[in-house]
Amino acid sequence: MLPQTMWLNKAVEEQLQTLKGKTGVTPNVAARIAFFRSIEKGFTFNKEKDYKLSGSLKLDKFTWLGKTQMVTELLLKQRYPEYSDKELQTAWAAHVEDGIATIRNQRDLVNLIHNIDTA
C-alpha cells in the first residue's frame, strides 16, 4: 500500500513545524489531524496536477500514521482504487496539505482542540 518512507511538500512541513511551536503537537500527529480534516470535507486529489514532494522530513509510515495506518490506507485505496503506491503517497501528502489549511493558524493547544472539536 503506502511506501515505508513518506514525506510531504516543504511548505507543509514548515506549517507543521510552526504549528508544533505554537501548540506542542508534533508534525506527525498534526499531519494525521490534517489528513482526516481533508477527507471529512471531501477534498479529492487530482494526479494530473503537478504535485511535488519536496520536503526533507522523511519518516516511516508508522511514525506518520501511527494507529491510524490501516484506516488511512483503506480510505486512500477506497477513494483512489487505480492509484499506485507512490501515487497514494502523493495523494496522502496532498490531503495533509489541504487539511493543514484549517488548523495551521491556531495560536495554542486550546484553540487547536476547539477548532477540531467544532468541525
N, C-alpha and C. Protein backbone atom coordinates (compact mmCIF):
# COMPACT_ATOMS: atom_id res chain seq x y z
N MET A 1 0.83 -1.18 0.00
CA MET A 1 0.00 0.00 0.00
C MET A 1 0.88 1.24 0.00
N LEU A 2 0.89 2.01 1.07
CA LEU A 2 1.75 3.19 1.11
C LEU A 2 3.20 2.76 1.28
N PRO A 3 4.15 3.51 0.71
CA PRO A 3 5.57 3.17 0.86
C PRO A 3 6.00 3.24 2.32
N GLN A 4 7.07 2.57 2.65
CA GLN A 4 7.57 2.57 4.03
C GLN A 4 8.10 3.93 4.47
N THR A 5 8.66 4.71 3.53
CA THR A 5 9.16 6.04 3.85
C THR A 5 8.28 7.06 3.13
N MET A 6 7.82 8.05 3.87
CA MET A 6 6.91 9.05 3.30
C MET A 6 7.39 10.44 3.67
N TRP A 7 7.04 11.42 2.84
CA TRP A 7 7.39 12.80 3.11
C TRP A 7 6.34 13.71 2.48
N LEU A 8 6.47 15.00 2.75
CA LEU A 8 5.48 15.99 2.33
C LEU A 8 6.13 17.07 1.47
N ASN A 9 5.34 18.03 1.09
CA ASN A 9 5.80 19.24 0.43
C ASN A 9 6.53 20.09 1.48
N LYS A 10 7.58 20.78 1.09
CA LYS A 10 8.37 21.58 2.03
C LYS A 10 7.53 22.64 2.75
N ALA A 11 6.64 23.31 2.04
CA ALA A 11 5.80 24.35 2.66
C ALA A 11 4.91 23.75 3.74
N VAL A 12 4.39 22.55 3.51
CA VAL A 12 3.54 21.88 4.50
C VAL A 12 4.37 21.52 5.73
N GLU A 13 5.58 21.02 5.51
CA GLU A 13 6.46 20.70 6.64
C GLU A 13 6.70 21.93 7.50
N GLU A 14 6.93 23.07 6.88
CA GLU A 14 7.16 24.31 7.62
C GLU A 14 5.92 24.70 8.42
N GLN A 15 4.74 24.51 7.84
CA GLN A 15 3.50 24.82 8.55
C GLN A 15 3.32 23.88 9.75
N LEU A 16 3.66 22.61 9.56
CA LEU A 16 3.58 21.65 10.67
C LEU A 16 4.55 22.02 11.78
N GLN A 17 5.76 22.45 11.42
CA GLN A 17 6.76 22.85 12.43
C GLN A 17 6.30 24.10 13.18
N THR A 18 5.72 25.05 12.46
CA THR A 18 5.20 26.26 13.09
C THR A 18 4.07 25.90 14.05
N LEU A 19 3.18 25.03 13.62
CA LEU A 19 2.08 24.59 14.48
C LEU A 19 2.63 23.90 15.73
N LYS A 20 3.69 23.11 15.58
CA LYS A 20 4.31 22.46 16.73
C LYS A 20 4.84 23.50 17.72
N GLY A 21 5.46 24.54 17.20
CA GLY A 21 5.98 25.59 18.06
C GLY A 21 4.89 26.30 18.85
N LYS A 22 3.74 26.47 18.25
CA LYS A 22 2.63 27.17 18.91
C LYS A 22 1.83 26.28 19.84
N THR A 23 1.64 25.01 19.45
CA THR A 23 0.73 24.14 20.19
C THR A 23 1.41 22.98 20.91
N GLY A 24 2.61 22.62 20.46
CA GLY A 24 3.30 21.46 21.02
C GLY A 24 2.91 20.15 20.36
N VAL A 25 1.99 20.20 19.39
CA VAL A 25 1.56 18.99 18.69
C VAL A 25 2.60 18.65 17.64
N THR A 26 3.12 17.43 17.69
CA THR A 26 4.17 17.02 16.77
C THR A 26 3.68 16.99 15.33
N PRO A 27 4.59 17.16 14.37
CA PRO A 27 4.20 17.17 12.96
C PRO A 27 3.45 15.91 12.51
N ASN A 28 3.84 14.76 13.00
CA ASN A 28 3.15 13.54 12.57
C ASN A 28 1.70 13.50 13.08
N VAL A 29 1.47 13.94 14.30
CA VAL A 29 0.10 13.96 14.83
C VAL A 29 -0.72 15.04 14.12
N ALA A 30 -0.13 16.20 13.89
CA ALA A 30 -0.83 17.27 13.17
C ALA A 30 -1.14 16.83 11.74
N ALA A 31 -0.25 16.06 11.12
CA ALA A 31 -0.50 15.55 9.77
C ALA A 31 -1.68 14.59 9.77
N ARG A 32 -1.81 13.78 10.79
CA ARG A 32 -2.96 12.87 10.89
C ARG A 32 -4.26 13.66 11.00
N ILE A 33 -4.26 14.68 11.85
CA ILE A 33 -5.44 15.52 12.02
C ILE A 33 -5.78 16.19 10.68
N ALA A 34 -4.78 16.74 10.02
CA ALA A 34 -4.99 17.42 8.75
C ALA A 34 -5.54 16.46 7.69
N PHE A 35 -4.99 15.26 7.63
CA PHE A 35 -5.46 14.27 6.65
C PHE A 35 -6.95 14.00 6.84
N PHE A 36 -7.36 13.72 8.06
CA PHE A 36 -8.76 13.38 8.30
C PHE A 36 -9.68 14.60 8.13
N ARG A 37 -9.19 15.81 8.41
CA ARG A 37 -9.98 17.02 8.13
C ARG A 37 -10.24 17.13 6.64
N SER A 38 -9.23 16.85 5.84
CA SER A 38 -9.35 16.91 4.39
C SER A 38 -10.34 15.87 3.86
N ILE A 39 -10.25 14.66 4.39
CA ILE A 39 -11.17 13.59 3.99
C ILE A 39 -12.61 13.99 4.35
N GLU A 40 -12.79 14.52 5.56
CA GLU A 40 -14.13 14.92 6.02
C GLU A 40 -14.76 15.99 5.12
N LYS A 41 -13.94 16.91 4.66
CA LYS A 41 -14.50 17.99 3.85
C LYS A 41 -14.67 17.60 2.39
N GLY A 42 -14.19 16.43 2.00
CA GLY A 42 -14.44 15.93 0.65
C GLY A 42 -13.40 16.27 -0.40
N PHE A 43 -12.23 16.71 0.01
CA PHE A 43 -11.16 17.01 -0.94
C PHE A 43 -10.82 15.78 -1.78
N THR A 44 -10.58 15.99 -3.05
CA THR A 44 -10.15 14.91 -3.94
C THR A 44 -8.88 15.33 -4.65
N PHE A 45 -7.87 14.49 -4.58
CA PHE A 45 -6.59 14.75 -5.23
C PHE A 45 -6.68 14.39 -6.71
N ASN A 46 -6.10 15.26 -7.54
CA ASN A 46 -6.05 15.02 -8.98
C ASN A 46 -4.59 14.72 -9.35
N LYS A 47 -4.31 13.48 -9.72
CA LYS A 47 -2.92 13.12 -10.01
C LYS A 47 -2.40 13.75 -11.29
N GLU A 48 -3.28 14.35 -12.08
CA GLU A 48 -2.85 15.03 -13.30
C GLU A 48 -2.15 16.35 -12.98
N LYS A 49 -2.44 16.92 -11.82
CA LYS A 49 -1.76 18.14 -11.40
C LYS A 49 -0.34 17.80 -10.96
N ASP A 50 0.55 18.73 -11.21
CA ASP A 50 1.95 18.52 -10.85
C ASP A 50 2.12 18.84 -9.36
N TYR A 51 2.24 17.81 -8.53
CA TYR A 51 2.38 17.98 -7.09
C TYR A 51 3.75 17.44 -6.68
N LYS A 52 4.58 18.31 -6.13
CA LYS A 52 5.95 17.94 -5.77
C LYS A 52 6.08 17.65 -4.28
N LEU A 53 6.73 16.55 -3.98
CA LEU A 53 7.07 16.20 -2.61
C LEU A 53 8.51 16.65 -2.38
N SER A 54 8.67 17.84 -1.86
CA SER A 54 9.99 18.47 -1.78
C SER A 54 10.55 18.56 -0.37
N GLY A 55 9.86 18.02 0.59
CA GLY A 55 10.28 18.15 1.98
C GLY A 55 11.46 17.29 2.34
N SER A 56 12.05 17.58 3.47
CA SER A 56 13.20 16.81 3.94
C SER A 56 12.88 15.96 5.16
N LEU A 57 11.69 16.10 5.71
CA LEU A 57 11.27 15.33 6.88
C LEU A 57 10.71 13.98 6.41
N LYS A 58 11.62 13.05 6.17
CA LYS A 58 11.23 11.72 5.68
C LYS A 58 11.12 10.79 6.88
N LEU A 59 9.91 10.31 7.10
CA LEU A 59 9.65 9.42 8.23
C LEU A 59 9.03 8.13 7.71
N ASP A 60 9.15 7.07 8.51
CA ASP A 60 8.50 5.82 8.12
C ASP A 60 6.99 5.99 8.29
N LYS A 61 6.24 5.15 7.57
CA LYS A 61 4.79 5.35 7.57
C LYS A 61 4.17 5.09 8.94
N PHE A 62 4.77 4.24 9.76
CA PHE A 62 4.21 4.04 11.10
C PHE A 62 4.32 5.32 11.93
N THR A 63 5.43 6.03 11.79
CA THR A 63 5.59 7.28 12.53
C THR A 63 4.60 8.32 12.04
N TRP A 64 4.44 8.44 10.72
CA TRP A 64 3.49 9.40 10.17
C TRP A 64 2.05 9.06 10.56
N LEU A 65 1.70 7.78 10.47
CA LEU A 65 0.30 7.39 10.59
C LEU A 65 -0.09 6.81 11.94
N GLY A 66 0.86 6.24 12.66
CA GLY A 66 0.56 5.66 13.96
C GLY A 66 -0.54 4.62 13.89
N LYS A 67 -1.43 4.65 14.86
CA LYS A 67 -2.53 3.68 14.91
C LYS A 67 -3.60 3.94 13.84
N THR A 68 -3.48 5.05 13.12
CA THR A 68 -4.44 5.34 12.05
C THR A 68 -3.99 4.74 10.71
N GLN A 69 -2.89 4.01 10.71
CA GLN A 69 -2.33 3.50 9.46
C GLN A 69 -3.34 2.70 8.64
N MET A 70 -4.00 1.75 9.24
CA MET A 70 -4.91 0.88 8.50
C MET A 70 -6.07 1.68 7.92
N VAL A 71 -6.69 2.53 8.72
CA VAL A 71 -7.85 3.28 8.23
C VAL A 71 -7.41 4.31 7.18
N THR A 72 -6.25 4.90 7.36
CA THR A 72 -5.74 5.86 6.37
C THR A 72 -5.53 5.17 5.02
N GLU A 73 -4.88 4.02 5.05
CA GLU A 73 -4.64 3.29 3.81
C GLU A 73 -5.94 2.82 3.17
N LEU A 74 -6.88 2.39 3.97
CA LEU A 74 -8.18 1.96 3.43
C LEU A 74 -8.93 3.12 2.79
N LEU A 75 -8.94 4.27 3.45
CA LEU A 75 -9.60 5.43 2.89
C LEU A 75 -8.97 5.86 1.57
N LEU A 76 -7.65 5.85 1.52
CA LEU A 76 -6.96 6.22 0.28
C LEU A 76 -7.27 5.22 -0.83
N LYS A 77 -7.21 3.94 -0.52
CA LYS A 77 -7.45 2.91 -1.53
C LYS A 77 -8.90 2.95 -2.01
N GLN A 78 -9.82 3.26 -1.11
CA GLN A 78 -11.22 3.36 -1.49
C GLN A 78 -11.45 4.57 -2.40
N ARG A 79 -10.84 5.69 -2.07
CA ARG A 79 -11.03 6.91 -2.84
C ARG A 79 -10.27 6.90 -4.16
N TYR A 80 -9.12 6.22 -4.18
CA TYR A 80 -8.25 6.19 -5.36
C TYR A 80 -7.86 4.75 -5.71
N PRO A 81 -8.80 3.92 -6.10
CA PRO A 81 -8.52 2.49 -6.31
C PRO A 81 -7.52 2.20 -7.42
N GLU A 82 -7.39 3.09 -8.39
CA GLU A 82 -6.50 2.82 -9.51
C GLU A 82 -5.08 3.37 -9.30
N TYR A 83 -4.83 4.02 -8.19
CA TYR A 83 -3.53 4.64 -7.95
C TYR A 83 -2.48 3.62 -7.53
N SER A 84 -1.25 3.86 -7.95
CA SER A 84 -0.10 3.05 -7.50
C SER A 84 0.26 3.47 -6.07
N ASP A 85 1.15 2.72 -5.43
CA ASP A 85 1.57 3.06 -4.07
C ASP A 85 2.17 4.46 -4.00
N LYS A 86 3.01 4.81 -4.97
CA LYS A 86 3.63 6.13 -4.99
C LYS A 86 2.58 7.22 -5.19
N GLU A 87 1.60 6.98 -6.03
CA GLU A 87 0.53 7.95 -6.24
C GLU A 87 -0.33 8.10 -4.99
N LEU A 88 -0.53 7.01 -4.25
CA LEU A 88 -1.28 7.08 -2.99
C LEU A 88 -0.53 7.93 -1.97
N GLN A 89 0.79 7.80 -1.95
CA GLN A 89 1.60 8.60 -1.04
C GLN A 89 1.48 10.08 -1.38
N THR A 90 1.49 10.39 -2.66
CA THR A 90 1.32 11.77 -3.10
C THR A 90 -0.08 12.27 -2.75
N ALA A 91 -1.09 11.42 -2.92
CA ALA A 91 -2.47 11.79 -2.55
C ALA A 91 -2.55 12.07 -1.05
N TRP A 92 -1.90 11.22 -0.24
CA TRP A 92 -1.89 11.44 1.21
C TRP A 92 -1.27 12.80 1.52
N ALA A 93 -0.14 13.11 0.89
CA ALA A 93 0.53 14.38 1.14
C ALA A 93 -0.36 15.56 0.72
N ALA A 94 -1.07 15.42 -0.38
CA ALA A 94 -1.97 16.48 -0.83
C ALA A 94 -3.13 16.66 0.15
N HIS A 95 -3.62 15.57 0.70
CA HIS A 95 -4.69 15.66 1.70
C HIS A 95 -4.17 16.35 2.96
N VAL A 96 -2.95 16.05 3.36
CA VAL A 96 -2.37 16.72 4.54
C VAL A 96 -2.27 18.22 4.26
N GLU A 97 -1.81 18.58 3.06
CA GLU A 97 -1.70 19.99 2.71
C GLU A 97 -3.07 20.67 2.73
N ASP A 98 -4.07 20.01 2.18
CA ASP A 98 -5.42 20.57 2.17
C ASP A 98 -5.95 20.74 3.60
N GLY A 99 -5.74 19.74 4.44
CA GLY A 99 -6.27 19.77 5.80
C GLY A 99 -5.53 20.71 6.73
N ILE A 100 -4.25 20.92 6.48
CA ILE A 100 -3.47 21.78 7.39
C ILE A 100 -3.93 23.23 7.27
N ALA A 101 -4.53 23.57 6.16
CA ALA A 101 -5.01 24.94 5.96
C ALA A 101 -6.03 25.35 7.03
N THR A 102 -6.78 24.39 7.53
CA THR A 102 -7.82 24.71 8.53
C THR A 102 -7.29 24.79 9.95
N ILE A 103 -6.08 24.28 10.19
CA ILE A 103 -5.57 24.28 11.57
C ILE A 103 -4.23 24.99 11.73
N ARG A 104 -3.59 25.40 10.66
CA ARG A 104 -2.22 25.93 10.75
C ARG A 104 -2.09 27.24 11.51
N ASN A 105 -3.15 28.01 11.63
CA ASN A 105 -3.07 29.31 12.28
C ASN A 105 -3.50 29.30 13.74
N GLN A 106 -3.63 28.14 14.32
CA GLN A 106 -4.03 28.06 15.72
C GLN A 106 -2.91 28.60 16.61
N ARG A 107 -3.28 29.39 17.60
CA ARG A 107 -2.30 30.06 18.45
C ARG A 107 -1.79 29.19 19.59
N ASP A 108 -2.62 28.25 20.03
CA ASP A 108 -2.21 27.39 21.13
C ASP A 108 -3.02 26.10 21.09
N LEU A 109 -2.71 25.19 21.99
CA LEU A 109 -3.34 23.88 22.01
C LEU A 109 -4.85 23.98 22.26
N VAL A 110 -5.27 24.87 23.13
CA VAL A 110 -6.70 25.02 23.43
C VAL A 110 -7.47 25.42 22.17
N ASN A 111 -6.94 26.38 21.42
CA ASN A 111 -7.59 26.79 20.18
C ASN A 111 -7.61 25.66 19.16
N LEU A 112 -6.54 24.90 19.09
CA LEU A 112 -6.48 23.77 18.16
C LEU A 112 -7.55 22.74 18.51
N ILE A 113 -7.65 22.39 19.77
CA ILE A 113 -8.64 21.42 20.21
C ILE A 113 -10.05 21.94 19.94
N HIS A 114 -10.29 23.19 20.22
CA HIS A 114 -11.60 23.78 19.96
C HIS A 114 -11.92 23.73 18.46
N ASN A 115 -10.93 24.05 17.63
CA ASN A 115 -11.13 24.02 16.17
C ASN A 115 -11.45 22.63 15.68
N ILE A 116 -10.78 21.63 16.22
CA ILE A 116 -11.03 20.25 15.81
C ILE A 116 -12.40 19.79 16.31
N ASP A 117 -12.74 20.19 17.54
CA ASP A 117 -13.99 19.76 18.15
C ASP A 117 -15.22 20.35 17.46
N THR A 118 -15.10 21.57 16.93
CA THR A 118 -16.25 22.22 16.32
C THR A 118 -16.38 21.94 14.83
N ALA A 119 -15.46 21.21 14.27
CA ALA A 119 -15.51 20.94 12.83
C ALA A 119 -16.59 19.95 12.47
